Amino acid sequence: METVEKSIEIKAPLSTVYNQWTQFEEFPRFMEGVQQVTQLDEKRLRWKAEIGGKVKQWDAEIFEQIPDQRIAWRSVSGATNSGMVNFAVVDAETTRVSLKLNYEPETTTEKVGDVLGILSLRVGGDLKRFKEFIESRGAETGAWRGEIPGREIGAASQGERLKTASEIATEPRSKRVRKN
């Protein structure tokens, strides 16, 4: 599992930036290669994107969403990925967006692209285009202010702390173990 982490400061209030990010179906307007995002319900998204010259589709589940703070997701079918985006106030008119993306390169082309840092460049470009999109508009195109509380997974043994959903999102799937 590979990881890309990028941050950007946007000249817009926190709630405006967060609200726009919740408009997932708008992602193709600023995310390179993303052809379509369909919101199936409050927690599920269907993605279609060109990756490494091939069109891929996958479904993702949002398993933690805290208004004005964080959105965390993981794929449940198709291309293996997970991650989170955090939102923080820099000042009254500036917001820092920090994105962490975990993914599994599948093809030789994707693996070569990973070594060359192609996805990292793409994610950085996506954040810059998002910044330009929201700053030029001055307002969000919509908002969803609902909350999807992160959940602690598994039962901790004596003295062991349970992991939050956010912590699990950053682990490779092979290390995620559910204890019942």
C-alpha atoms as a PDB file:
ATOM      1  CA  MET A   1       0.000   0.000   0.000  1.00  0.00           C
ATOM      2  CA  GLU A   2       1.406   3.382  -1.035  1.00  0.00           C
ATOM      3  CA  THR A   3       0.556   6.740   0.529  1.00  0.00           C
ATOM      4  CA  VAL A   4       0.354  10.301  -0.770  1.00  0.00           C
ATOM      5  CA  GLU A   5      -0.007  13.244   1.621  1.00  0.00           C
ATOM      6  CA  LYS A   6      -0.607  16.802   0.421  1.00  0.00           C
ATOM      7  CA  SER A   7      -1.864  20.036   1.994  1.00  0.00           C
ATOM      8  CA  ILE A   8      -2.933  23.396   0.653  1.00  0.00           C
ATOM      9  CA  GLU A   9      -4.162  26.680   2.119  1.00  0.00           C
ATOM     10  CA  ILE A  10      -7.311  28.122   0.560  1.00  0.00           C
ATOM     11  CA  LYS A  11      -8.479  31.729   0.882  1.00  0.00           C
ATOM     12  CA  ALA A  12     -12.015  30.887   1.997  1.00  0.00           C
ATOM     13  CA  PRO A  13     -13.709  30.273   5.362  1.00  0.00           C
ATOM     14  CA  LEU A  14     -13.602  26.747   6.783  1.00  0.00           C
ATOM     15  CA  SER A  15     -17.327  26.027   6.357  1.00  0.00           C
ATOM     16  CA  THR A  16     -17.274  27.136   2.696  1.00  0.00           C
ATOM     17  CA  VAL A  17     -14.310  24.872   1.889  1.00  0.00           C
ATOM     18  CA  TYR A  18     -15.749  21.909   3.793  1.00  0.00           C
ATOM     19  CA  ASN A  19     -19.203  22.352   2.253  1.00  0.00           C
ATOM     20  CA  GLN A  20     -17.755  22.313  -1.261  1.00  0.00           C
ATOM     21  CA  TRP A  21     -15.741  19.159  -0.567  1.00  0.00           C
ATOM     22  CA  THR A  22     -18.990  17.379   0.394  1.00  0.00           C
ATOM     23  CA  GLN A  23     -20.246  17.939  -3.169  1.00  0.00           C
ATOM     24  CA  PHE A  24     -18.616  14.758  -4.467  1.00  0.00           C
ATOM     25  CA  GLU A  25     -20.383  14.819  -7.835  1.00  0.00           C
ATOM     26  CA  GLU A  26     -18.510  18.084  -8.587  1.00  0.00           C
ATOM     27  CA  PHE A  27     -15.087  16.363  -8.269  1.00  0.00           C
ATOM     28  CA  PRO A  28     -14.642  15.855 -12.053  1.00  0.00           C
ATOM     29  CA  ARG A  29     -14.546  19.665 -12.375  1.00  0.00           C
ATOM     30  CA  PHE A  30     -11.170  19.819 -10.594  1.00  0.00           C
ATOM     31  CA  MET A  31      -9.814  16.269 -10.222  1.00  0.00           C
ATOM     32  CA  GLU A  32      -7.688  15.090 -13.141  1.00  0.00           C
ATOM     33  CA  GLY A  33      -8.784  11.762 -14.555  1.00  0.00           C
ATOM     34  CA  VAL A  34     -12.008  11.591 -12.532  1.00  0.00           C
ATOM     35  CA  GLN A  35     -14.786  11.139 -15.062  1.00  0.00           C
ATOM     36  CA  GLN A  36     -17.741  10.686 -12.723  1.00  0.00           C
ATOM     37  CA  VAL A  37     -18.647  10.404  -9.058  1.00  0.00           C
ATOM     38  CA  THR A  38     -22.161   9.281  -8.212  1.00  0.00           C
ATOM     39  CA  GLN A  39     -23.408   9.600  -4.643  1.00  0.00           C
ATOM     40  CA  LEU A  40     -25.452   6.456  -4.010  1.00  0.00           C
ATOM     41  CA  ASP A  41     -26.510   7.457  -0.482  1.00  0.00           C
ATOM     42  CA  GLU A  42     -25.074   9.395   2.482  1.00  0.00           C
ATOM     43  CA  LYS A  43     -22.193   6.929   2.898  1.00  0.00           C
ATOM     44  CA  ARG A  44     -21.570   5.389  -0.530  1.00  0.00           C
ATOM     45  CA  LEU A  45     -20.005   6.761  -3.715  1.00  0.00           C
ATOM     46  CA  ARG A  46     -19.392   5.176  -7.113  1.00  0.00           C
ATOM     47  CA  TRP A  47     -16.239   6.434  -8.851  1.00  0.00           C
ATOM     48  CA  LYS A  48     -15.164   6.232 -12.488  1.00  0.00           C
ATOM     49  CA  ALA A  49     -11.678   7.498 -13.329  1.00  0.00           C
ATOM     50  CA  GLU A  50      -8.828   7.044 -15.760  1.00  0.00           C
ATOM     51  CA  ILE A  51      -5.784   5.691 -13.935  1.00  0.00           C
ATOM     52  CA  GLY A  52      -2.612   4.726 -15.760  1.00  0.00           C
ATOM     53  CA  GLY A  53      -4.384   4.934 -19.108  1.00  0.00           C
ATOM     54  CA  LYS A  54      -7.218   2.600 -18.077  1.00  0.00           C
ATOM     55  CA  VAL A  55     -10.750   3.448 -16.961  1.00  0.00           C
ATOM     56  CA  LYS A  56     -11.469   2.026 -13.501  1.00  0.00           C
ATOM     57  CA  GLN A  57     -14.581   1.973 -11.379  1.00  0.00           C
ATOM     58  CA  TRP A  58     -14.954   1.402  -7.668  1.00  0.00           C
ATOM     59  CA  ASP A  59     -17.362   1.956  -4.832  1.00  0.00           C
ATOM     60  CA  ALA A  60     -16.254   3.750  -1.699  1.00  0.00           C
ATOM     61  CA  GLU A  61     -17.753   4.002   1.761  1.00  0.00           C
ATOM     62  CA  ILE A  62     -17.474   7.141   3.874  1.00  0.00           C
ATOM     63  CA  PHE A  63     -17.006   5.770   7.362  1.00  0.00           C
ATOM     64  CA  GLU A  64     -16.297   9.016   9.193  1.00  0.00           C
ATOM     65  CA  GLN A  65     -17.559  12.486   8.439  1.00  0.00           C
ATOM     66  CA  ILE A  66     -17.374  15.291  10.978  1.00  0.00           C
ATOM     67  CA  PRO A  67     -18.591  18.662   9.643  1.00  0.00           C
ATOM     68  CA  ASP A  68     -15.806  21.241   9.293  1.00  0.00           C
ATOM     69  CA  GLN A  69     -13.187  18.691  10.424  1.00  0.00           C
ATOM     70  CA  ARG A  70     -12.791  15.425   8.503  1.00  0.00           C
ATOM     71  CA  ILE A  71     -14.051  13.019   5.876  1.00  0.00           C
ATOM     72  CA  ALA A  72     -12.579   9.482   5.785  1.00  0.00           C
ATOM     73  CA  TRP A  73     -13.310   6.764   3.234  1.00  0.00           C
ATOM     74  CA  ARG A  74     -12.281   3.343   1.984  1.00  0.00           C
ATOM     75  CA  SER A  75     -13.030   1.455  -1.210  1.00  0.00           C
ATOM     76  CA  VAL A  76     -15.370  -1.504  -0.853  1.00  0.00           C
ATOM     77  CA  SER A  77     -15.000  -2.773  -4.427  1.00  0.00           C
ATOM     78  CA  GLY A  78     -12.722  -2.185  -7.401  1.00  0.00           C
ATOM     79  CA  ALA A  79      -9.515  -0.150  -7.074  1.00  0.00           C
ATOM     80  CA  THR A  80      -8.102  -0.498  -3.543  1.00  0.00           C
ATOM     81  CA  ASN A  81      -7.801   2.861  -1.783  1.00  0.00           C
ATOM     82  CA  SER A  82      -8.622   4.679   1.431  1.00  0.00           C
ATOM     83  CA  GLY A  83      -7.841   7.969   3.027  1.00  0.00           C
ATOM     84  CA  MET A  84      -9.014  11.096   4.704  1.00  0.00           C
ATOM     85  CA  VAL A  85      -9.201  14.798   4.195  1.00  0.00           C
ATOM     86  CA  ASN A  86      -8.880  17.131   7.192  1.00  0.00           C
ATOM     87  CA  PHE A  87      -9.936  20.766   7.352  1.00  0.00           C
ATOM     88  CA  ALA A  88      -8.370  23.304   9.747  1.00  0.00           C
ATOM     89  CA  VAL A  89      -8.745  27.030  10.335  1.00  0.00           C
ATOM     90  CA  VAL A  90      -5.628  29.044   9.563  1.00  0.00           C
ATOM     91  CA  ASP A  91      -7.450  32.347  10.146  1.00  0.00           C
ATOM     92  CA  ALA A  92     -11.019  33.606   9.620  1.00  0.00           C
ATOM     93  CA  GLU A  93     -10.607  33.663   5.827  1.00  0.00           C
ATOM     94  CA  THR A  94      -8.091  30.846   5.260  1.00  0.00           C
ATOM     95  CA  THR A  95      -8.510  27.079   5.540  1.00  0.00           C
ATOM     96  CA  ARG A  96      -5.868  24.348   5.376  1.00  0.00           C
ATOM     97  CA  VAL A  97      -6.952  21.186   3.551  1.00  0.00           C
ATOM     98  CA  SER A  98      -4.786  18.120   4.264  1.00  0.00           C
ATOM     99  CA  LEU A  99      -5.337  15.013   2.193  1.00  0.00           C
ATOM    100  CA  LYS A 100      -3.952  11.536   2.854  1.00  0.00           C
ATOM    101  CA  LEU A 101      -4.540   8.901   0.176  1.00  0.00           C
ATOM    102  CA  ASN A 102      -3.606   5.234   0.525  1.00  0.00           C
ATOM    103  CA  TYR A 103      -3.718   3.160  -2.644  1.00  0.00           C
ATOM    104  CA  GLU A 104      -2.541  -0.093  -4.145  1.00  0.00           C
ATOM    105  CA  PRO A 105      -0.905   0.219  -7.589  1.00  0.00           C
ATOM    106  CA  GLU A 106      -2.211  -2.714  -9.637  1.00  0.00           C
ATOM    107  CA  THR A 107      -0.654  -2.657 -13.092  1.00  0.00           C
ATOM    108  CA  THR A 108       2.962  -2.294 -14.186  1.00  0.00           C
ATOM    109  CA  THR A 109       2.099   1.163 -15.553  1.00  0.00           C
ATOM    110  CA  GLU A 110       0.674   2.204 -12.170  1.00  0.00           C
ATOM    111  CA  LYS A 111       3.737   0.849 -10.339  1.00  0.00           C
ATOM    112  CA  VAL A 112       6.112   2.750 -12.648  1.00  0.00           C
ATOM    113  CA  GLY A 113       3.956   5.866 -12.248  1.00  0.00           C
ATOM    114  CA  ASP A 114       4.168   5.452  -8.486  1.00  0.00           C
ATOM    115  CA  VAL A 115       7.977   5.290  -8.580  1.00  0.00           C
ATOM    116  CA  LEU A 116       7.999   8.452 -10.718  1.00  0.00           C
ATOM    117  CA  GLY A 117       5.631  10.241  -8.324  1.00  0.00           C
ATOM    118  CA  ILE A 118       2.870  10.686 -10.903  1.00  0.00           C
ATOM    119  CA  LEU A 119      -0.027  10.226  -8.449  1.00  0.00           C
ATOM    120  CA  SER A 120       1.576  12.591  -5.962  1.00  0.00           C
ATOM    121  CA  LEU A 121       1.796  15.254  -8.682  1.00  0.00           C
ATOM    122  CA  ARG A 122      -1.794  14.548  -9.733  1.00  0.00           C
ATOM    123  CA  VAL A 123      -3.095  14.888  -6.152  1.00  0.00           C
ATOM    124  CA  GLY A 124      -1.165  18.152  -5.705  1.00  0.00           C
ATOM    125  CA  GLY A 125      -2.665  19.430  -8.955  1.00  0.00           C
ATOM    126  CA  ASP A 126      -6.156  18.374  -7.853  1.00  0.00           C
ATOM    127  CA  LEU A 127      -5.805  20.360  -4.634  1.00  0.00           C
ATOM    128  CA  LYS A 128      -4.574  23.416  -6.566  1.00  0.00           C
ATOM    129  CA  ARG A 129      -7.544  23.153  -8.946  1.00  0.00           C
ATOM    130  CA  PHE A 130      -9.921  22.781  -5.978  1.00  0.00           C
ATOM    131  CA  LYS A 131      -8.384  25.923  -4.458  1.00  0.00           C
ATOM    132  CA  GLU A 132      -8.854  27.836  -7.733  1.00  0.00           C
ATOM    133  CA  PHE A 133     -12.403  26.494  -8.079  1.00  0.00           C
ATOM    134  CA  ILE A 134     -13.599  27.584  -4.628  1.00  0.00           C
ATOM    135  CA  GLU A 135     -11.638  30.863  -4.531  1.00  0.00           C
ATOM    136  CA  SER A 136     -12.927  31.950  -7.946  1.00  0.00           C
ATOM    137  CA  ARG A 137     -16.541  31.107  -7.048  1.00  0.00           C
ATOM    138  CA  GLY A 138     -16.445  32.736  -3.619  1.00  0.00           C
ATOM    139  CA  ALA A 139     -19.163  30.311  -2.467  1.00  0.00           C
ATOM    140  CA  GLU A 140     -19.819  26.605  -2.379  1.00  0.00           C
ATOM    141  CA  THR A 141     -22.094  24.893  -4.921  1.00  0.00           C
ATOM    142  CA  GLY A 142     -23.915  23.059  -2.112  1.00  0.00           C
ATOM    143  CA  ALA A 143     -23.382  21.424   1.250  1.00  0.00           C
ATOM    144  CA  TRP A 144     -24.096  18.322   3.275  1.00  0.00           C
ATOM    145  CA  ARG A 145     -23.718  18.964   6.989  1.00  0.00           C
ATOM    146  CA  GLY A 146     -24.595  15.481   8.215  1.00  0.00           C
ATOM    147  CA  GLU A 147     -22.299  13.498  10.452  1.00  0.00           C
ATOM    148  CA  ILE A 148     -21.115   9.924  10.063  1.00  0.00           C
ATOM    149  CA  PRO A 149     -19.458   9.127  13.372  1.00  0.00           C
ATOM    150  CA  GLY A 150     -16.221   7.188  13.150  1.00  0.00           C
ATOM    151  CA  ARG A 151     -16.420   3.938  14.974  1.00  0.00           C
ATOM    152  CA  GLU A 152     -13.952   2.050  17.044  1.00  0.00           C
ATOM    153  CA  ILE A 153     -13.313  -1.362  15.553  1.00  0.00           C
ATOM    154  CA  GLY A 154     -12.763  -4.482  17.606  1.00  0.00           C
ATOM    155  CA  ALA A 155     -12.479  -5.158  21.314  1.00  0.00           C
ATOM    156  CA  ALA A 156      -9.337  -4.087  23.117  1.00  0.00           C
ATOM    157  CA  SER A 157      -7.595  -6.444  25.480  1.00  0.00           C
ATOM    158  CA  GLN A 158      -6.728  -5.188  28.934  1.00  0.00           C
ATOM    159  CA  GLY A 159      -4.676  -2.004  28.684  1.00  0.00           C
ATOM    160  CA  GLU A 160      -4.945  -1.864  24.870  1.00  0.00           C
ATOM    161  CA  ARG A 161      -6.598   1.167  23.274  1.00  0.00           C
ATOM    162  CA  LEU A 162      -9.159   0.649  20.527  1.00  0.00           C
ATOM    163  CA  LYS A 163      -8.269   2.124  17.151  1.00  0.00           C
ATOM    164  CA  THR A 164     -10.530   4.768  15.704  1.00  0.00           C
ATOM    165  CA  ALA A 165     -11.894   4.503  12.190  1.00  0.00           C
ATOM    166  CA  SER A 166      -9.486   7.284  11.127  1.00  0.00           C
ATOM    167  CA  GLU A 167      -6.485   5.303  12.352  1.00  0.00           C
ATOM    168  CA  ILE A 168      -7.675   2.187  10.587  1.00  0.00           C
ATOM    169  CA  ALA A 169      -8.155   4.095   7.307  1.00  0.00           C
ATOM    170  CA  THR A 170      -4.444   4.787   7.191  1.00  0.00           C
ATOM    171  CA  GLU A 171      -3.463   1.133   7.692  1.00  0.00           C
ATOM    172  CA  PRO A 172      -3.005  -1.274   4.798  1.00  0.00           C
ATOM    173  CA  ARG A 173      -5.983  -3.623   4.485  1.00  0.00           C
ATOM    174  CA  SER A 174      -3.702  -6.577   5.251  1.00  0.00           C
ATOM    175  CA  LYS A 175      -3.098  -5.166   8.752  1.00  0.00           C
ATOM    176  CA  ARG A 176      -6.757  -4.439   9.566  1.00  0.00           C
ATOM    177  CA  VAL A 177      -8.038  -7.104  11.897  1.00  0.00           C
ATOM    178  CA  ARG A 178     -11.487  -7.131  13.390  1.00  0.00           C
ATOM    179  CA  LYS A 179     -11.673  -8.630  16.851  1.00  0.00           C
ATOM    180  CA  ASN A 180     -15.096  -9.798  17.969  1.00  0.00           C
END
